Amino acid sequence: MYFDFANVLVFLLLGLFLSAMMLGLGRLLRPSNPLVPKLGTYECGEPPTGSAWINFNIRFYLVALIFVIFDVEIAFMYPVVAVFRDWLLSGRGPTALAEMLLFIGVLALGLVYVWVKRDLEWIKRLPAEQTQDLSKAA
């Protein structure tokens, strides 16, 4: 029984040794010439302009998050659709369809929630600005 634990210990030590050896070898072999341009921020090959401490609009994050949610939905739905005909022939089709519709319904409910909160609009006005616009139109 102790032999099994010894195997784990040997592999753990071997892994730590090999990791340390590779890091040490890399440190010995790589060139070291820290120039000022190398220490600068990399922005897709373009020289950086201005400070990196700027405020990004939260809508970029929200739209990306909504995209990821629906992208994951497609990733989960594709395998189900690929085998749905086999499930219909084996009698499991109605259950699978109900589960798919429930899954789509939950995501659609999330989309309605985001839409009602007006988080999909790029220019979101404050409530005071909306009432001023309505009073100007009248």
N, C-alpha and C. Protein backbone atom coordinates (compact mmCIF):
# COMPACT_ATOMS: atom_id res chain seq x y z
N MET A 1 0.83 -1.19 0.00
CA MET A 1 0.00 0.00 0.00
C MET A 1 0.88 1.26 0.00
N TYR A 2 1.95 1.27 0.76
CA TYR A 2 2.83 2.43 0.78
C TYR A 2 3.52 2.61 -0.57
N PHE A 3 3.64 1.53 -1.33
CA PHE A 3 4.28 1.62 -2.63
C PHE A 3 3.48 2.50 -3.58
N ASP A 4 2.14 2.45 -3.48
CA ASP A 4 1.30 3.30 -4.33
C ASP A 4 1.54 4.77 -4.03
N PHE A 5 1.68 5.10 -2.76
CA PHE A 5 1.97 6.49 -2.40
C PHE A 5 3.37 6.89 -2.84
N ALA A 6 4.28 5.95 -2.84
CA ALA A 6 5.65 6.24 -3.28
C ALA A 6 5.66 6.59 -4.77
N ASN A 7 4.82 5.95 -5.54
CA ASN A 7 4.72 6.28 -6.98
C ASN A 7 4.27 7.72 -7.17
N VAL A 8 3.27 8.14 -6.41
CA VAL A 8 2.78 9.51 -6.51
C VAL A 8 3.88 10.49 -6.10
N LEU A 9 4.60 10.17 -5.03
CA LEU A 9 5.67 11.03 -4.56
C LEU A 9 6.79 11.14 -5.60
N VAL A 10 7.14 10.02 -6.23
CA VAL A 10 8.20 10.03 -7.25
C VAL A 10 7.78 10.89 -8.44
N PHE A 11 6.55 10.75 -8.89
CA PHE A 11 6.08 11.55 -10.03
C PHE A 11 5.99 13.03 -9.66
N LEU A 12 5.59 13.34 -8.45
CA LEU A 12 5.53 14.72 -8.01
C LEU A 12 6.92 15.34 -7.98
N LEU A 13 7.87 14.64 -7.41
CA LEU A 13 9.24 15.14 -7.36
C LEU A 13 9.85 15.26 -8.75
N LEU A 14 9.60 14.28 -9.61
CA LEU A 14 10.10 14.34 -10.98
C LEU A 14 9.51 15.53 -11.73
N GLY A 15 8.21 15.78 -11.54
CA GLY A 15 7.57 16.93 -12.18
C GLY A 15 8.15 18.25 -11.70
N LEU A 16 8.35 18.38 -10.40
CA LEU A 16 8.94 19.60 -9.86
C LEU A 16 10.37 19.79 -10.37
N PHE A 17 11.15 18.70 -10.39
CA PHE A 17 12.53 18.78 -10.87
C PHE A 17 12.59 19.20 -12.34
N LEU A 18 11.77 18.57 -13.18
CA LEU A 18 11.78 18.90 -14.61
C LEU A 18 11.32 20.34 -14.85
N SER A 19 10.33 20.78 -14.10
CA SER A 19 9.87 22.17 -14.25
C SER A 19 10.98 23.15 -13.88
N ALA A 20 11.63 22.91 -12.74
CA ALA A 20 12.72 23.79 -12.32
C ALA A 20 13.88 23.73 -13.30
N MET A 21 14.16 22.55 -13.84
CA MET A 21 15.26 22.42 -14.79
C MET A 21 14.97 23.20 -16.08
N MET A 22 13.75 23.12 -16.58
CA MET A 22 13.39 23.84 -17.80
C MET A 22 13.41 25.35 -17.59
N LEU A 23 12.92 25.81 -16.45
CA LEU A 23 12.96 27.25 -16.18
C LEU A 23 14.40 27.73 -16.04
N GLY A 24 15.23 26.97 -15.37
CA GLY A 24 16.64 27.33 -15.23
C GLY A 24 17.37 27.32 -16.56
N LEU A 25 17.10 26.32 -17.39
CA LEU A 25 17.72 26.24 -18.71
C LEU A 25 17.30 27.43 -19.57
N GLY A 26 16.04 27.81 -19.50
CA GLY A 26 15.57 28.97 -20.26
C GLY A 26 16.24 30.24 -19.80
N ARG A 27 16.43 30.36 -18.50
CA ARG A 27 17.10 31.56 -17.98
C ARG A 27 18.56 31.64 -18.43
N LEU A 28 19.22 30.49 -18.52
CA LEU A 28 20.62 30.47 -18.96
C LEU A 28 20.77 30.75 -20.45
N LEU A 29 19.87 30.24 -21.27
CA LEU A 29 20.03 30.30 -22.72
C LEU A 29 19.44 31.53 -23.40
N ARG A 30 18.45 32.15 -22.80
CA ARG A 30 17.80 33.27 -23.48
C ARG A 30 18.65 34.53 -23.40
N PRO A 31 18.56 35.37 -24.43
CA PRO A 31 19.31 36.63 -24.38
C PRO A 31 18.62 37.61 -23.42
N SER A 32 19.41 38.47 -22.84
CA SER A 32 18.88 39.47 -21.92
C SER A 32 19.31 40.85 -22.39
N ASN A 33 18.40 41.56 -23.05
CA ASN A 33 18.67 42.93 -23.47
C ASN A 33 17.40 43.76 -23.29
N PRO A 34 17.12 44.18 -22.06
CA PRO A 34 15.89 44.95 -21.81
C PRO A 34 16.01 46.38 -22.29
N LEU A 35 15.53 46.64 -23.48
CA LEU A 35 15.53 47.99 -24.04
C LEU A 35 14.21 48.68 -23.67
N VAL A 36 14.21 49.98 -23.75
CA VAL A 36 13.02 50.76 -23.39
C VAL A 36 11.81 50.39 -24.26
N PRO A 37 11.95 50.24 -25.59
CA PRO A 37 10.78 49.88 -26.38
C PRO A 37 10.22 48.49 -26.01
N LYS A 38 11.08 47.59 -25.56
CA LYS A 38 10.59 46.26 -25.19
C LYS A 38 9.77 46.29 -23.91
N LEU A 39 10.02 47.26 -23.08
CA LEU A 39 9.30 47.36 -21.82
C LEU A 39 7.98 48.12 -21.96
N GLY A 40 7.69 48.61 -23.15
CA GLY A 40 6.46 49.37 -23.37
C GLY A 40 5.26 48.44 -23.52
N THR A 41 4.08 49.03 -23.49
CA THR A 41 2.85 48.29 -23.65
C THR A 41 2.67 47.88 -25.11
N TYR A 42 2.23 46.65 -25.34
CA TYR A 42 2.02 46.16 -26.71
C TYR A 42 0.54 46.25 -27.03
N GLU A 43 0.20 47.00 -28.07
CA GLU A 43 -1.18 47.15 -28.48
C GLU A 43 -1.33 46.77 -29.95
N CYS A 44 -1.31 45.51 -30.23
CA CYS A 44 -1.56 44.99 -31.58
C CYS A 44 -0.60 45.57 -32.61
N GLY A 45 0.63 45.80 -32.24
CA GLY A 45 1.61 46.30 -33.17
C GLY A 45 1.63 47.80 -33.33
N GLU A 46 0.66 48.47 -32.74
CA GLU A 46 0.60 49.93 -32.82
C GLU A 46 1.28 50.53 -31.60
N PRO A 47 1.98 51.64 -31.79
CA PRO A 47 2.56 52.29 -30.61
C PRO A 47 1.45 52.83 -29.72
N PRO A 48 1.56 52.64 -28.41
CA PRO A 48 0.48 53.09 -27.52
C PRO A 48 0.42 54.62 -27.48
N THR A 49 -0.80 55.12 -27.38
CA THR A 49 -1.00 56.56 -27.28
C THR A 49 -1.79 56.85 -26.02
N GLY A 50 -1.38 57.79 -25.26
CA GLY A 50 -2.10 58.18 -24.06
C GLY A 50 -1.87 57.22 -22.91
N SER A 51 -2.61 57.43 -21.87
CA SER A 51 -2.49 56.63 -20.66
C SER A 51 -3.31 55.35 -20.79
N ALA A 52 -2.88 54.31 -20.13
CA ALA A 52 -3.63 53.06 -20.14
C ALA A 52 -4.76 53.10 -19.13
N TRP A 53 -4.78 54.09 -18.27
CA TRP A 53 -5.80 54.20 -17.23
C TRP A 53 -6.97 55.04 -17.73
N ILE A 54 -7.78 54.45 -18.62
CA ILE A 54 -8.96 55.14 -19.12
C ILE A 54 -10.19 54.33 -18.74
N ASN A 55 -11.33 54.98 -18.73
CA ASN A 55 -12.58 54.30 -18.40
C ASN A 55 -13.22 53.78 -19.68
N PHE A 56 -13.49 52.48 -19.71
CA PHE A 56 -14.19 51.89 -20.84
C PHE A 56 -15.68 51.89 -20.54
N ASN A 57 -16.45 52.02 -21.58
CA ASN A 57 -17.89 51.97 -21.42
C ASN A 57 -18.30 50.55 -21.04
N ILE A 58 -19.16 50.40 -20.07
CA ILE A 58 -19.57 49.08 -19.59
C ILE A 58 -20.36 48.33 -20.65
N ARG A 59 -20.89 49.03 -21.64
CA ARG A 59 -21.69 48.35 -22.67
C ARG A 59 -20.84 47.41 -23.52
N PHE A 60 -19.55 47.69 -23.68
CA PHE A 60 -18.68 46.76 -24.39
C PHE A 60 -18.69 45.41 -23.67
N TYR A 61 -18.57 45.46 -22.36
CA TYR A 61 -18.58 44.24 -21.55
C TYR A 61 -19.94 43.54 -21.62
N LEU A 62 -21.02 44.31 -21.53
CA LEU A 62 -22.35 43.71 -21.56
C LEU A 62 -22.65 43.03 -22.88
N VAL A 63 -22.33 43.70 -23.98
CA VAL A 63 -22.58 43.11 -25.29
C VAL A 63 -21.73 41.86 -25.49
N ALA A 64 -20.47 41.91 -25.04
CA ALA A 64 -19.62 40.72 -25.15
C ALA A 64 -20.15 39.59 -24.31
N LEU A 65 -20.65 39.88 -23.12
CA LEU A 65 -21.20 38.85 -22.25
C LEU A 65 -22.46 38.23 -22.86
N ILE A 66 -23.31 39.05 -23.43
CA ILE A 66 -24.52 38.53 -24.08
C ILE A 66 -24.14 37.68 -25.28
N PHE A 67 -23.14 38.11 -26.04
CA PHE A 67 -22.68 37.30 -27.17
C PHE A 67 -22.17 35.94 -26.70
N VAL A 68 -21.38 35.93 -25.63
CA VAL A 68 -20.85 34.67 -25.12
C VAL A 68 -21.98 33.75 -24.67
N ILE A 69 -22.99 34.30 -24.02
CA ILE A 69 -24.11 33.48 -23.56
C ILE A 69 -24.78 32.79 -24.75
N PHE A 70 -25.07 33.54 -25.81
CA PHE A 70 -25.75 32.93 -26.94
C PHE A 70 -24.82 32.08 -27.79
N ASP A 71 -23.54 32.36 -27.76
CA ASP A 71 -22.57 31.51 -28.43
C ASP A 71 -22.48 30.16 -27.73
N VAL A 72 -22.50 30.17 -26.42
CA VAL A 72 -22.49 28.92 -25.65
C VAL A 72 -23.78 28.15 -25.89
N GLU A 73 -24.89 28.88 -26.05
CA GLU A 73 -26.15 28.21 -26.34
C GLU A 73 -26.03 27.42 -27.64
N ILE A 74 -25.47 28.00 -28.65
CA ILE A 74 -25.31 27.30 -29.92
C ILE A 74 -24.38 26.11 -29.75
N ALA A 75 -23.33 26.28 -28.96
CA ALA A 75 -22.39 25.17 -28.74
C ALA A 75 -23.07 24.00 -28.03
N PHE A 76 -24.03 24.29 -27.14
CA PHE A 76 -24.75 23.23 -26.45
C PHE A 76 -25.87 22.64 -27.31
N MET A 77 -26.44 23.45 -28.20
CA MET A 77 -27.57 22.98 -28.99
C MET A 77 -27.13 22.13 -30.19
N TYR A 78 -25.98 22.40 -30.74
CA TYR A 78 -25.55 21.69 -31.95
C TYR A 78 -25.48 20.18 -31.77
N PRO A 79 -24.87 19.66 -30.70
CA PRO A 79 -24.84 18.20 -30.56
C PRO A 79 -26.24 17.59 -30.39
N VAL A 80 -27.13 18.31 -29.74
CA VAL A 80 -28.50 17.80 -29.56
C VAL A 80 -29.21 17.72 -30.90
N VAL A 81 -29.04 18.74 -31.70
CA VAL A 81 -29.69 18.75 -33.02
C VAL A 81 -29.10 17.66 -33.91
N ALA A 82 -27.82 17.36 -33.75
CA ALA A 82 -27.17 16.35 -34.58
C ALA A 82 -27.72 14.95 -34.32
N VAL A 83 -28.17 14.66 -33.10
CA VAL A 83 -28.67 13.31 -32.77
C VAL A 83 -30.17 13.30 -32.54
N PHE A 84 -30.85 14.40 -32.84
CA PHE A 84 -32.28 14.49 -32.53
C PHE A 84 -33.10 13.47 -33.31
N ARG A 85 -32.75 13.21 -34.56
CA ARG A 85 -33.50 12.23 -35.37
C ARG A 85 -33.43 10.84 -34.74
N ASP A 86 -32.24 10.46 -34.25
CA ASP A 86 -32.11 9.17 -33.58
C ASP A 86 -32.96 9.12 -32.32
N TRP A 87 -33.02 10.22 -31.60
CA TRP A 87 -33.85 10.26 -30.39
C TRP A 87 -35.33 10.16 -30.73
N LEU A 88 -35.73 10.75 -31.86
CA LEU A 88 -37.13 10.63 -32.28
C LEU A 88 -37.47 9.18 -32.59
N LEU A 89 -36.56 8.49 -33.28
CA LEU A 89 -36.82 7.10 -33.63
C LEU A 89 -36.83 6.19 -32.41
N SER A 90 -36.08 6.54 -31.38
CA SER A 90 -36.05 5.70 -30.18
C SER A 90 -37.10 6.10 -29.16
N GLY A 91 -37.91 7.13 -29.45
CA GLY A 91 -38.98 7.52 -28.55
C GLY A 91 -38.60 8.57 -27.51
N ARG A 92 -37.40 9.09 -27.57
CA ARG A 92 -36.97 10.11 -26.61
C ARG A 92 -37.06 11.52 -27.18
N GLY A 93 -37.68 11.67 -28.32
CA GLY A 93 -37.75 12.96 -29.00
C GLY A 93 -38.53 14.01 -28.24
N PRO A 94 -39.75 13.69 -27.76
CA PRO A 94 -40.53 14.73 -27.06
C PRO A 94 -39.82 15.25 -25.80
N THR A 95 -39.17 14.37 -25.07
CA THR A 95 -38.45 14.80 -23.87
C THR A 95 -37.28 15.71 -24.25
N ALA A 96 -36.53 15.33 -25.26
CA ALA A 96 -35.40 16.15 -25.70
C ALA A 96 -35.88 17.50 -26.21
N LEU A 97 -37.00 17.50 -26.95
CA LEU A 97 -37.54 18.76 -27.46
C LEU A 97 -37.99 19.66 -26.31
N ALA A 98 -38.63 19.09 -25.30
CA ALA A 98 -39.05 19.88 -24.14
C ALA A 98 -37.85 20.47 -23.42
N GLU A 99 -36.79 19.68 -23.27
CA GLU A 99 -35.59 20.19 -22.60
C GLU A 99 -34.93 21.30 -23.42
N MET A 100 -34.89 21.12 -24.75
CA MET A 100 -34.31 22.17 -25.60
C MET A 100 -35.13 23.45 -25.51
N LEU A 101 -36.44 23.32 -25.55
CA LEU A 101 -37.29 24.51 -25.48
C LEU A 101 -37.17 25.20 -24.12
N LEU A 102 -37.02 24.43 -23.06
CA LEU A 102 -36.81 25.01 -21.74
C LEU A 102 -35.49 25.78 -21.69
N PHE A 103 -34.46 25.19 -22.26
CA PHE A 103 -33.14 25.83 -22.30
C PHE A 103 -33.20 27.13 -23.09
N ILE A 104 -33.82 27.09 -24.26
CA ILE A 104 -33.96 28.29 -25.09
C ILE A 104 -34.84 29.32 -24.38
N GLY A 105 -35.86 28.85 -23.68
CA GLY A 105 -36.76 29.76 -22.96
C GLY A 105 -36.04 30.52 -21.85
N VAL A 106 -35.19 29.84 -21.11
CA VAL A 106 -34.44 30.51 -20.05
C VAL A 106 -33.52 31.57 -20.65
N LEU A 107 -32.85 31.25 -21.75
CA LEU A 107 -31.98 32.23 -22.38
C LEU A 107 -32.78 33.38 -23.01
N ALA A 108 -33.95 33.06 -23.56
CA ALA A 108 -34.79 34.12 -24.12
C ALA A 108 -35.30 35.04 -23.02
N LEU A 109 -35.59 34.48 -21.86
CA LEU A 109 -36.01 35.29 -20.72
C LEU A 109 -34.89 36.23 -20.30
N GLY A 110 -33.66 35.75 -20.33
CA GLY A 110 -32.51 36.61 -20.03
C GLY A 110 -32.37 37.71 -21.06
N LEU A 111 -32.59 37.40 -22.33
CA LEU A 111 -32.52 38.41 -23.38
C LEU A 111 -33.60 39.47 -23.20
N VAL A 112 -34.82 39.04 -22.86
CA VAL A 112 -35.90 39.99 -22.61
C VAL A 112 -35.55 40.90 -21.44
N TYR A 113 -34.97 40.33 -20.39
CA TYR A 113 -34.57 41.12 -19.23
C TYR A 113 -33.56 42.19 -19.62
N VAL A 114 -32.55 41.81 -20.40
CA VAL A 114 -31.53 42.77 -20.83
C VAL A 114 -32.15 43.82 -21.75
N TRP A 115 -33.07 43.41 -22.59
CA TRP A 115 -33.72 44.33 -23.51
C TRP A 115 -34.58 45.34 -22.74
N VAL A 116 -35.34 44.87 -21.74
CA VAL A 116 -36.19 45.76 -20.97
C VAL A 116 -35.35 46.75 -20.16
N LYS A 117 -34.22 46.33 -19.65
CA LYS A 117 -33.33 47.23 -18.91
C LYS A 117 -32.58 48.18 -19.84
N ARG A 118 -32.74 48.03 -21.13
CA ARG A 118 -32.15 48.88 -22.17
C ARG A 118 -30.63 48.82 -22.13
N ASP A 119 -30.09 47.65 -21.83
CA ASP A 119 -28.64 47.48 -21.79
C ASP A 119 -28.05 47.17 -23.15
N LEU A 120 -28.88 47.00 -24.17
CA LEU A 120 -28.37 46.73 -25.50
C LEU A 120 -28.18 48.01 -26.32
N GLU A 121 -28.58 49.13 -25.77
CA GLU A 121 -28.43 50.40 -26.47
C GLU A 121 -27.04 50.97 -26.23
N TRP A 122 -26.41 51.49 -27.27
CA TRP A 122 -25.08 52.06 -27.12
C TRP A 122 -25.13 53.38 -26.38
N ILE A 123 -26.15 54.18 -26.66
CA ILE A 123 -26.29 55.47 -26.00
C ILE A 123 -27.46 55.36 -25.04
N LYS A 124 -27.14 55.23 -23.78
CA LYS A 124 -28.18 55.07 -22.76
C LYS A 124 -28.37 56.42 -22.08
N ARG A 125 -29.59 56.95 -22.16
CA ARG A 125 -29.85 58.26 -21.60
C ARG A 125 -30.32 58.13 -20.16
N LEU A 126 -30.04 59.15 -19.41
CA LEU A 126 -30.53 59.21 -18.04
C LEU A 126 -32.01 59.56 -18.06
N PRO A 127 -32.77 59.18 -17.03
CA PRO A 127 -34.21 59.49 -17.03
C PRO A 127 -34.49 60.99 -17.16
N ALA A 128 -33.65 61.85 -16.59
CA ALA A 128 -33.87 63.30 -16.70
C ALA A 128 -33.73 63.76 -18.15
N GLU A 129 -32.79 63.19 -18.89
CA GLU A 129 -32.60 63.56 -20.29
C GLU A 129 -33.78 63.13 -21.15
N GLN A 130 -34.37 61.98 -20.82
CA GLN A 130 -35.52 61.50 -21.58
C GLN A 130 -36.72 62.41 -21.40
N THR A 131 -36.97 62.88 -20.18
CA THR A 131 -38.11 63.76 -19.96
C THR A 131 -37.91 65.12 -20.61
N GLN A 132 -36.65 65.60 -20.67
CA GLN A 132 -36.38 66.87 -21.35
C GLN A 132 -36.64 66.75 -22.84
N ASP A 133 -36.26 65.60 -23.43
CA ASP A 133 -36.50 65.40 -24.85
C ASP A 133 -38.00 65.33 -25.15
N LEU A 134 -38.76 64.71 -24.26
CA LEU A 134 -40.20 64.62 -24.47
C LEU A 134 -40.86 66.00 -24.35
N SER A 135 -40.37 66.83 -23.42
CA SER A 135 -40.95 68.15 -23.25
C SER A 135 -40.62 69.06 -24.44
N LYS A 136 -39.44 68.88 -25.05
CA LYS A 136 -39.06 69.67 -26.22
C LYS A 136 -39.90 69.29 -27.43
N ALA A 137 -40.28 68.00 -27.52
CA ALA A 137 -41.05 67.53 -28.67
C ALA A 137 -42.48 68.03 -28.61
N ALA A 138 -43.00 68.32 -27.44
CA ALA A 138 -44.40 68.74 -27.29
C ALA A 138 -44.64 70.16 -27.58
